[in-house]
Protein backbone atom coordinates (compact mmCIF):
# COMPACT_ATOMS: atom_id res chain seq x y z
CA MET A 1 39.90 71.04 214.85
CA ALA A 2 42.27 72.97 212.98
CA SER A 3 45.84 72.57 211.39
CA ASP A 4 47.90 75.36 211.83
CA ASP A 5 50.85 74.23 212.99
CA SER A 6 53.55 71.50 211.67
CA ALA A 7 56.22 69.20 211.99
CA LYS A 8 58.79 68.18 209.75
CA LEU A 9 59.58 64.17 209.28
CA THR A 10 63.43 63.92 207.74
CA LEU A 11 63.60 59.92 206.83
CA PRO A 12 66.86 57.85 205.95
CA ASN A 13 67.16 58.25 201.85
CA GLN A 14 63.93 60.43 201.27
CA GLU A 15 62.65 64.12 201.24
CA PRO A 16 61.76 65.54 204.57
CA MET A 17 58.00 65.02 205.16
CA THR A 18 55.94 68.01 206.39
CA LEU A 19 52.64 66.84 208.75
CA GLY A 20 50.05 68.69 209.72
CA ILE A 21 49.50 69.37 213.87
CA PHE A 22 45.52 69.28 214.88
CA LYS A 23 44.14 71.27 217.53
CA GLY A 24 40.88 69.49 218.81
CA THR A 25 38.75 71.63 221.13
CA LEU A 26 40.30 69.84 224.25
CA GLY A 27 43.30 67.75 224.54
CA PRO A 28 46.65 67.21 223.52
CA ASN A 29 47.58 68.15 219.81
CA VAL A 30 47.60 65.28 217.16
CA LEU A 31 49.83 64.51 214.62
CA ASP A 32 48.29 63.93 210.93
CA ILE A 33 49.91 60.66 209.64
CA ARG A 34 48.04 60.15 206.86
CA SER A 35 50.51 61.14 204.12
CA LEU A 36 52.57 58.24 205.71
CA SER A 37 51.14 55.56 203.71
CA SER A 38 51.93 56.66 200.32
CA ALA A 39 55.59 56.83 200.89
CA GLY A 40 55.20 53.52 202.19
CA ILE A 41 55.65 54.29 205.96
CA PHE A 42 53.49 53.14 208.70
CA THR A 43 53.97 53.67 212.12
CA TYR A 44 54.18 51.44 215.22
CA ASP A 45 51.79 51.66 218.11
CA PRO A 46 50.72 48.41 219.68
CA GLY A 47 47.35 48.84 221.46
CA PHE A 48 46.98 52.05 219.78
CA ARG A 49 48.16 54.17 222.71
CA SER A 50 49.37 56.94 220.81
CA THR A 51 46.89 57.13 217.93
CA ALA A 52 43.67 58.75 217.33
CA ALA A 53 41.98 56.98 215.12
CA CYS A 54 38.97 59.13 214.56
CA GLN A 55 37.43 62.43 215.29
CA SER A 56 34.83 62.83 217.87
CA LYS A 57 32.25 65.18 219.58
CA ILE A 58 30.65 62.63 222.06
CA THR A 59 33.26 62.16 225.03
CA PHE A 60 36.24 63.89 226.33
CA ILE A 61 38.30 62.67 229.03
CA ASP A 62 40.90 64.42 230.73
CA GLY A 63 42.91 61.97 233.02
CA GLN A 64 45.55 64.18 234.54
CA ASN A 65 42.91 66.02 236.16
CA GLY A 66 40.17 63.64 236.50
CA GLN A 67 37.89 65.13 234.34
CA LEU A 68 35.08 63.51 232.08
CA LEU A 69 32.65 65.38 229.88
CA TYR A 70 29.48 64.19 227.94
CA ARG A 71 29.00 66.66 225.08
CA GLY A 72 31.09 69.19 227.31
CA TYR A 73 28.92 68.75 230.25
CA ALA A 74 30.53 67.31 233.26
CA ILE A 75 29.77 64.11 234.30
CA GLU A 76 29.03 65.21 238.38
CA THR A 77 26.82 67.85 237.10
CA LEU A 78 24.99 65.17 234.61
CA ALA A 79 24.80 63.12 238.05
CA GLU A 80 23.63 66.03 239.53
CA HIS A 81 20.53 67.47 237.78
CA SER A 82 20.04 64.61 235.14
CA ASP A 83 19.37 61.28 234.56
CA PHE A 84 19.75 58.35 232.06
CA ILE A 85 17.22 58.79 229.27
CA GLU A 86 18.46 62.57 229.30
CA ILE A 87 21.94 61.60 228.95
CA SER A 88 20.85 59.15 226.47
CA TYR A 89 19.21 61.66 224.35
CA LEU A 90 22.28 64.02 225.03
CA LEU A 91 24.87 61.71 223.65
CA LEU A 92 22.80 60.83 220.42
CA TYR A 93 21.89 64.22 219.29
CA GLY A 94 24.24 66.37 221.13
CA GLU A 95 21.91 68.60 223.16
CA LEU A 96 19.72 68.30 226.15
CA PRO A 97 16.37 67.74 225.18
CA THR A 98 13.92 70.20 225.93
CA LEU A 99 10.63 68.92 227.62
CA SER A 100 8.95 67.86 224.88
CA GLN A 101 11.50 66.42 222.64
CA ARG A 102 12.07 64.39 225.78
CA THR A 103 8.61 63.30 225.85
CA GLN A 104 8.75 62.14 222.43
CA PHE A 105 12.43 60.52 222.74
CA VAL A 106 10.47 58.28 225.58
CA ASP A 107 7.73 57.73 223.75
CA ASN A 108 9.90 56.26 221.15
CA ILE A 109 11.66 53.99 223.54
CA ASN A 110 8.35 52.64 224.92
CA THR A 111 7.24 52.14 221.40
CA HIS A 112 10.01 49.61 221.20
CA THR A 113 10.31 47.94 224.69
CA LEU A 114 9.08 44.36 224.08
CA VAL A 115 10.93 41.83 222.16
CA HIS A 116 9.98 39.32 219.69
CA GLU A 117 8.14 36.33 220.93
CA GLN A 118 11.01 34.04 219.22
CA ILE A 119 13.58 35.68 221.33
CA THR A 120 12.22 33.06 224.39
CA GLN A 121 12.46 30.12 222.32
CA PHE A 122 16.48 31.22 221.10
CA LEU A 123 17.13 31.90 224.95
CA GLN A 124 15.97 28.51 225.75
CA GLY A 125 18.93 27.18 223.20
CA TYR A 126 21.04 28.16 226.08
CA LYS A 127 22.19 25.96 229.41
CA ARG A 128 20.67 27.73 232.26
CA ASP A 129 24.22 28.33 233.81
CA ALA A 130 25.66 29.85 230.67
CA HIS A 131 27.23 33.13 231.48
CA PRO A 132 24.91 36.08 230.83
CA MET A 133 26.66 37.86 228.91
CA ALA A 134 27.08 35.38 226.26
CA MET A 135 23.40 34.97 226.20
CA LEU A 136 22.77 38.81 225.68
CA GLY A 137 25.62 39.01 223.40
CA GLY A 138 23.59 35.89 221.39
CA LEU A 139 20.37 37.69 221.90
CA VAL A 140 21.63 41.34 220.27
CA ASN A 141 22.85 39.64 217.30
CA THR A 142 19.56 37.67 217.12
CA LEU A 143 17.89 41.05 216.68
CA ALA A 144 19.80 41.42 213.37
CA ALA A 145 18.02 38.50 212.21
CA LEU A 146 14.92 39.48 213.40
CA TYR A 147 15.64 43.11 211.51
CA HIS A 148 17.13 41.32 208.45
CA GLU A 149 15.03 43.89 205.94
CA PRO A 150 17.96 45.69 203.70
CA PHE A 151 19.54 48.14 205.84
CA ASP A 152 20.83 51.25 204.15
CA ILE A 153 23.13 52.71 206.78
CA HIS A 154 23.17 56.00 205.24
CA ASP A 155 19.46 56.86 206.15
CA ALA A 156 19.78 58.69 209.19
CA LYS A 157 15.94 57.73 209.78
CA GLU A 158 16.78 54.29 209.55
CA ARG A 159 19.66 54.83 212.04
CA ASP A 160 17.73 56.30 214.42
CA LEU A 161 15.10 53.71 214.54
CA ALA A 162 17.82 50.84 215.12
CA ALA A 163 19.09 53.57 218.12
CA ILE A 164 15.74 53.61 219.94
CA ARG A 165 15.45 49.82 219.23
CA LEU A 166 18.76 48.92 221.01
CA ILE A 167 18.06 51.18 224.04
CA ALA A 168 14.61 50.43 224.46
CA LYS A 169 15.06 46.51 224.37
CA LEU A 170 18.31 45.85 226.12
CA PRO A 171 16.46 46.01 229.15
CA THR A 172 14.36 43.90 228.53
CA LEU A 173 17.00 41.30 226.87
CA THR A 174 19.08 41.84 230.02
CA ALA A 175 16.29 40.99 232.52
CA MET A 176 15.64 38.17 230.43
CA CYS A 177 18.85 36.63 231.06
CA TYR A 178 18.76 37.26 234.66
CA LYS A 179 15.29 35.64 235.06
CA TYR A 180 16.03 32.37 232.49
CA ARG A 181 19.12 31.88 234.81
CA LEU A 182 16.80 31.98 237.90
CA GLY A 183 14.24 29.73 235.95
CA GLN A 184 11.57 32.45 236.71
CA PRO A 185 9.10 33.71 234.28
CA PHE A 186 10.07 36.62 231.80
CA ASN A 187 8.39 39.68 233.07
CA HIS A 188 7.10 42.37 230.27
CA PRO A 189 8.02 45.80 230.30
CA GLN A 190 5.93 48.04 231.91
CA ASN A 191 6.06 51.81 229.90
CA HIS A 192 3.92 53.63 232.83
CA LEU A 193 7.51 53.10 234.65
CA ASN A 194 10.39 55.20 233.84
CA TYR A 195 13.56 53.56 232.08
CA THR A 196 14.95 52.32 235.37
CA GLN A 197 12.20 51.63 237.03
CA ASN A 198 11.13 49.24 234.09
CA PHE A 199 14.71 47.36 234.04
CA LEU A 200 14.29 46.77 238.39
CA HIS A 201 10.73 45.64 237.29
CA MET A 202 11.50 43.46 235.18
CA LEU A 203 14.47 42.03 237.22
CA PHE A 204 12.64 41.77 240.38
CA SER A 205 9.20 41.06 239.81
CA VAL A 206 7.62 37.97 240.25
CA PRO A 207 4.03 36.96 238.94
CA SER A 208 2.81 36.71 242.86
CA GLN A 209 4.28 40.11 243.68
CA SER A 210 5.11 42.99 242.22
CA THR A 211 7.14 45.04 244.90
CA PRO A 212 7.14 48.90 243.43
CA PRO A 213 11.23 49.60 243.35
CA ASN A 214 12.64 51.52 246.41
CA PRO A 215 13.19 55.49 245.25
CA VAL A 216 17.06 55.11 246.42
CA LEU A 217 17.74 52.07 244.44
CA VAL A 218 15.84 53.22 241.45
CA ASP A 219 18.27 56.02 241.77
CA ALA A 220 21.44 54.06 242.28
CA MET A 221 20.93 52.08 239.29
CA ASP A 222 20.01 55.01 237.25
CA LYS A 223 23.33 56.44 238.39
CA ILE A 224 25.09 53.35 237.45
CA LEU A 225 23.89 53.48 233.95
CA LEU A 226 24.22 57.25 233.62
CA LEU A 227 28.15 56.73 234.50
CA HIS A 228 28.73 53.95 232.44
CA ALA A 229 26.71 55.35 229.46
CA ASP A 230 30.21 56.69 227.80
CA HIS A 231 34.26 56.38 228.12
CA GLU A 232 35.63 58.00 224.91
CA GLN A 233 37.61 55.57 222.63
CA ASN A 234 37.73 52.46 224.84
CA ALA A 235 38.48 48.93 223.32
CA SER A 236 34.42 47.94 223.17
CA THR A 237 33.70 51.62 221.34
CA SER A 238 36.58 50.68 219.31
CA ALA A 239 35.43 47.49 218.37
CA VAL A 240 31.66 48.77 217.76
CA ARG A 241 33.39 51.40 214.94
CA LEU A 242 35.63 48.91 213.43
CA THR A 243 32.74 46.35 212.33
CA GLY A 244 30.43 49.13 211.54
CA SER A 245 33.11 50.43 209.78
CA SER A 246 32.36 47.78 207.44
CA GLY A 247 28.61 48.78 206.90
CA ALA A 248 27.74 45.98 209.11
CA ASN A 249 24.31 45.84 210.60
CA PRO A 250 23.97 47.95 213.30
CA PHE A 251 22.82 45.33 216.13
CA ALA A 252 26.04 42.73 215.10
CA CYS A 253 27.85 46.10 215.67
CA ILE A 254 26.71 46.47 219.49
CA ALA A 255 27.04 42.55 219.56
CA ALA A 256 30.61 43.08 218.81
CA GLY A 257 30.85 45.48 221.69
CA ILE A 258 29.33 43.40 224.18
CA ALA A 259 31.73 40.47 223.19
CA THR A 260 34.82 43.22 223.95
CA LEU A 261 33.45 44.36 227.19
CA TRP A 262 33.33 40.72 228.45
CA GLY A 263 36.94 40.70 228.52
CA PRO A 264 38.21 40.68 232.15
CA ALA A 265 40.67 43.53 231.47
CA HIS A 266 37.54 45.77 230.36
CA GLY A 267 34.11 44.85 231.83
CA GLY A 268 34.46 42.50 234.23
CA ALA A 269 36.07 44.98 236.98
CA ASN A 270 33.26 45.63 239.51
CA GLU A 271 32.98 41.67 239.41
CA ALA A 272 36.27 41.18 240.46
CA VAL A 273 35.68 43.51 243.31
CA ILE A 274 33.25 41.41 244.84
CA GLU A 275 35.68 38.11 244.30
CA MET A 276 37.83 40.14 245.73
CA LEU A 277 36.15 40.60 249.10
CA GLU A 278 34.86 37.28 249.32
CA GLU A 279 38.75 36.40 249.22
CA ILE A 280 39.18 38.18 252.15
CA GLY A 281 36.37 36.69 253.92
CA ASP A 282 36.47 39.03 257.26
CA GLU A 283 37.27 42.40 258.08
CA LYS A 284 39.96 40.84 260.66
CA ASN A 285 41.85 39.89 257.30
CA ILE A 286 42.21 43.39 255.70
CA PRO A 287 45.51 44.24 257.44
CA THR A 288 47.21 41.07 255.88
CA PHE A 289 45.40 41.45 252.43
CA ILE A 290 47.00 45.33 252.57
CA GLU A 291 50.39 44.38 253.23
CA LYS A 292 50.01 41.16 250.51
CA ALA A 293 48.66 44.32 248.01
CA LYS A 294 52.18 46.70 248.93
CA ASP A 295 54.26 43.37 248.55
CA LYS A 296 55.11 43.96 244.36
CA ASN A 297 56.59 39.69 244.76
CA ASP A 298 52.65 39.07 246.00
CA PRO A 299 50.27 38.27 243.28
CA PHE A 300 47.46 39.66 244.89
CA ARG A 301 46.29 43.03 244.11
CA LEU A 302 43.21 45.16 245.26
CA MET A 303 40.62 45.35 242.93
CA GLY A 304 38.77 48.25 242.14
CA PHE A 305 41.60 50.79 243.06
CA GLY A 306 43.24 53.57 240.93
CA HIS A 307 42.41 53.82 237.33
CA ARG A 308 44.25 53.59 233.94
CA VAL A 309 43.18 56.49 232.58
CA TYR A 310 42.48 58.71 235.75
CA LYS A 311 45.56 59.49 237.24
CA ASN A 312 43.96 61.13 240.11
CA PHE A 313 40.28 60.36 241.67
CA ASP A 314 37.96 58.87 238.97
CA PRO A 315 35.34 61.53 238.93
CA ARG A 316 32.44 58.97 238.20
CA ALA A 317 34.09 57.40 241.67
CA LYS A 318 32.71 60.33 243.60
CA VAL A 319 29.30 59.86 242.72
CA MET A 320 28.65 56.59 242.93
CA ARG A 321 30.54 56.76 246.42
CA GLU A 322 27.62 58.75 247.63
CA SER A 323 25.44 56.80 245.82
CA CYS A 324 27.06 53.69 247.38
CA HIS A 325 26.42 55.20 251.28
CA GLN A 326 22.98 55.85 250.35
CA VAL A 327 22.19 52.57 249.35
CA LEU A 328 23.85 50.69 252.24
CA ALA A 329 22.28 52.84 255.19
CA GLU A 330 18.88 52.38 253.54
CA LEU A 331 19.58 48.83 253.32
CA GLY A 332 21.25 48.40 256.70
CA HIS A 333 24.71 46.88 255.22
CA PRO A 334 22.95 43.62 254.47
CA HIS A 335 26.04 41.36 254.06
CA PRO A 336 29.11 41.28 255.50
CA LEU A 337 30.85 42.00 252.57
CA PHE A 338 29.80 45.41 252.66
CA ASN A 339 31.88 46.34 256.08
CA ILE A 340 35.25 44.92 254.44
CA ALA A 341 34.43 47.27 251.73
CA LEU A 342 33.83 50.41 254.07
CA ARG A 343 36.90 49.52 256.01
CA LEU A 344 39.26 49.26 252.96
CA GLU A 345 37.54 52.37 251.44
CA GLU A 346 38.39 54.27 255.09
CA ILE A 347 42.05 52.84 254.80
CA ALA A 348 42.81 53.91 250.94
CA LEU A 349 41.77 56.96 251.58
CA LYS A 350 43.85 57.72 254.70
CA ASP A 351 46.70 55.52 254.20
CA PRO A 352 49.74 57.61 252.88
CA TYR A 353 50.79 53.99 250.62
CA PHE A 354 47.56 54.53 248.42
CA ILE A 355 47.60 58.27 248.95
CA GLU A 356 51.06 58.68 247.67
CA LYS A 357 50.37 56.06 244.53
CA LYS A 358 46.83 57.43 244.35
CA LEU A 359 45.24 54.29 244.30
CA TYR A 360 41.76 56.02 245.03
CA PRO A 361 38.18 53.32 245.01
CA ASN A 362 36.98 53.86 241.82
CA ILE A 363 33.73 53.18 239.90
CA ASP A 364 34.33 49.73 239.88
CA PHE A 365 34.57 49.68 243.51
CA TYR A 366 31.58 51.30 244.25
CA SER A 367 29.34 50.18 241.48
CA GLY A 368 30.11 46.28 242.40
CA ILE A 369 28.98 47.11 246.21
CA ILE A 370 26.15 48.87 245.05
CA LEU A 371 25.12 45.83 242.41
CA LYS A 372 25.72 43.58 245.29
CA ALA A 373 24.16 45.20 247.47
CA LEU A 374 20.46 45.18 245.13
CA GLY A 375 20.85 41.33 245.15
CA ILE A 376 22.07 40.96 241.81
CA PRO A 377 24.76 37.98 241.16
CA SER A 378 28.06 38.81 240.25
CA LYS A 379 27.80 37.28 236.82
CA MET A 380 25.31 39.93 236.06
CA PHE A 381 27.09 42.94 236.58
CA THR A 382 28.52 43.11 232.90
CA THR A 383 25.34 42.89 231.43
CA ILE A 384 24.15 46.26 233.28
CA PHE A 385 27.47 47.98 231.80
CA ALA A 386 26.36 46.79 227.93
CA LEU A 387 23.20 47.96 229.12
CA ALA A 388 24.48 51.34 229.88
CA ARG A 389 27.27 51.59 227.40
CA THR A 390 24.83 50.59 224.49
CA VAL A 391 24.04 54.50 224.11
CA GLY A 392 27.72 55.30 223.96
CA TRP A 393 28.41 52.67 221.44
CA VAL A 394 25.12 53.95 219.36
CA ALA A 395 26.33 57.44 219.34
CA HIS A 396 29.63 56.82 218.16
CA TRP A 397 28.31 54.10 215.54
CA GLN A 398 26.20 56.84 214.40
CA GLU A 399 28.70 59.39 214.13
CA MET A 400 31.13 57.58 212.28
CA VAL A 401 28.58 56.27 209.82
CA SER A 402 27.34 59.92 209.24
CA ALA A 403 31.35 61.59 208.90
CA PRO A 404 32.12 62.72 205.18
CA ASP A 405 35.33 60.71 205.61
CA PHE A 406 33.37 57.42 206.14
CA SER A 407 35.59 54.42 205.34
CA ILE A 408 36.30 50.58 206.47
CA SER A 409 39.02 50.87 209.21
CA ARG A 410 42.33 48.80 207.57
CA PRO A 411 44.74 48.74 210.13
CA ARG A 412 48.44 47.72 209.00
CA GLN A 413 51.28 45.68 210.81
CA LEU A 414 55.05 45.54 211.20
CA TYR A 415 55.50 42.23 209.87
CA CYS A 416 57.97 39.56 211.35
CA GLY A 417 57.65 36.71 209.57
CA GLN A 418 59.80 34.07 207.27
CA THR A 419 60.40 36.11 203.31
CA LYS A 420 59.17 34.38 200.63
CA ARG A 421 60.02 30.56 200.76
CA ASP A 422 60.09 28.25 198.38
CA TYR A 423 57.47 25.40 198.14
CA ILE A 424 59.23 21.68 199.24
CA ALA A 425 57.72 18.89 198.23
CA PRO A 426 56.54 16.49 201.26
CA LYS A 427 59.32 13.59 199.93
CA ASP A 428 61.72 16.45 200.30
CA ARG A 429 60.93 17.52 203.96
C-alpha cells in the first residue's frame, strides 16, 4: 500500500486538511480519513458501501469485469486445477502448498475431525424441525465452551490450532445437524476419505449401507465449497472481523459469521431459488412468470439472476454452470424442477431483456439446483455455505489479529435524537 498522492478537504470555519490517498495493488484508490476524528468530524456511510475498514491480502473482486481472485489466483483457474483443501491452505497461509505441506495439512485436519461426545447431548436439546442454521451456530459456539482454556490470540500457534479445528469440525457438525433432523444415527468421520468425500459420507451413509460417493457428485460438492470459500468484505466476514476485534474466542467469532450468513439477503439466496422454482411449478407457467419479472409493479422477482457485486457474469457461475449440467446428466434430471431451471437458464441467456440488464444466472442459481439434485433439503443449503465460508472467515480473523494496527472496531454514528433534556417527575408529566 502506497500513499503518494493526497487530497485537500476544506470545511466551514476550519483550516484545510490534507488527506492521504492509498493505492492498493488492485482496485480503486482509498482516501485516508483517519485524521478526521481528531477534528471532531466523521463520515456518513450507511452499509459501509464506500468505506475500506481494513487492509487485506486475501481476496479481490472486480465486479465490473467479473473477476474474483484468491490470493492473486483467478477463481476459474483454481476451480479447474485445485480443490477445496488446497485453496483452504492458500487462503490461510498465502501460498499454494507443496506436496509435503498438503500432506501435513490434511493430517492436521484429520486429527481434529471428531467432535466431543457432549455435542450429541447438546444437539438433542433442539426440536427436530429447528432450522439447521440455528443448530449449527449453537454447536460452533459450544466449541468455545469445550475449548475454554485461556486463549492467547497473539500466539500464532494457538490461532493456527483454532483454524485447523474449525475447518476439520465444520463438516462433522453440519452433517450432525442434517442427521438429527432426519432422526438417523450420526456418522463418525472416515479419515481415509478426502475432505469432501468424508462430508458426503457423513451426510448420506447409514449403518446398514455405506455407498462410496459418486465421483461426479463429489467433484460438484467440492466445487461448491471452493467457490464459496471467501468473497472479500461481505456482511458475515465483516461480522467475524468486528467480533474478533474485541479479542473474542475464535469459535464465538465464527458463530457470529454463521448468524450473519443466515440472513436471507446474504446466505439464503440458493434456498430462495428452489422456492421460486417450486412456485413456478411447471414449464408451461414460465412465460407468465417471465412477464411478471419484467413488470416493475409486480412483486415477483426471479431469484438467482444478477448480482449486487458482479455487473457482468459472476465468474463463479461459469464454473458452477458446467458442474450443474454434469450432475444433472449423471442423475438424469430426477426432478421436474430441473427442467424448469434449465428452461429459465436458456431464456435468461437469450432474452434481450435479461441480456440488456445483465441478469445472468449467478452461483446461487446453479448451486441451489446441484444441492437439490444431491438430495439435500433446502433448509440445509446455508449450512453448507457456512461450512465452505469458515475457511475464509478464519483467514480474515487471522489476518486481522496479526496486523500491527490491530484494535477494537468502534464505528461512529450520526445522532438524530433528542438534545439534552431535564427529567420530569412522574406526577408532572
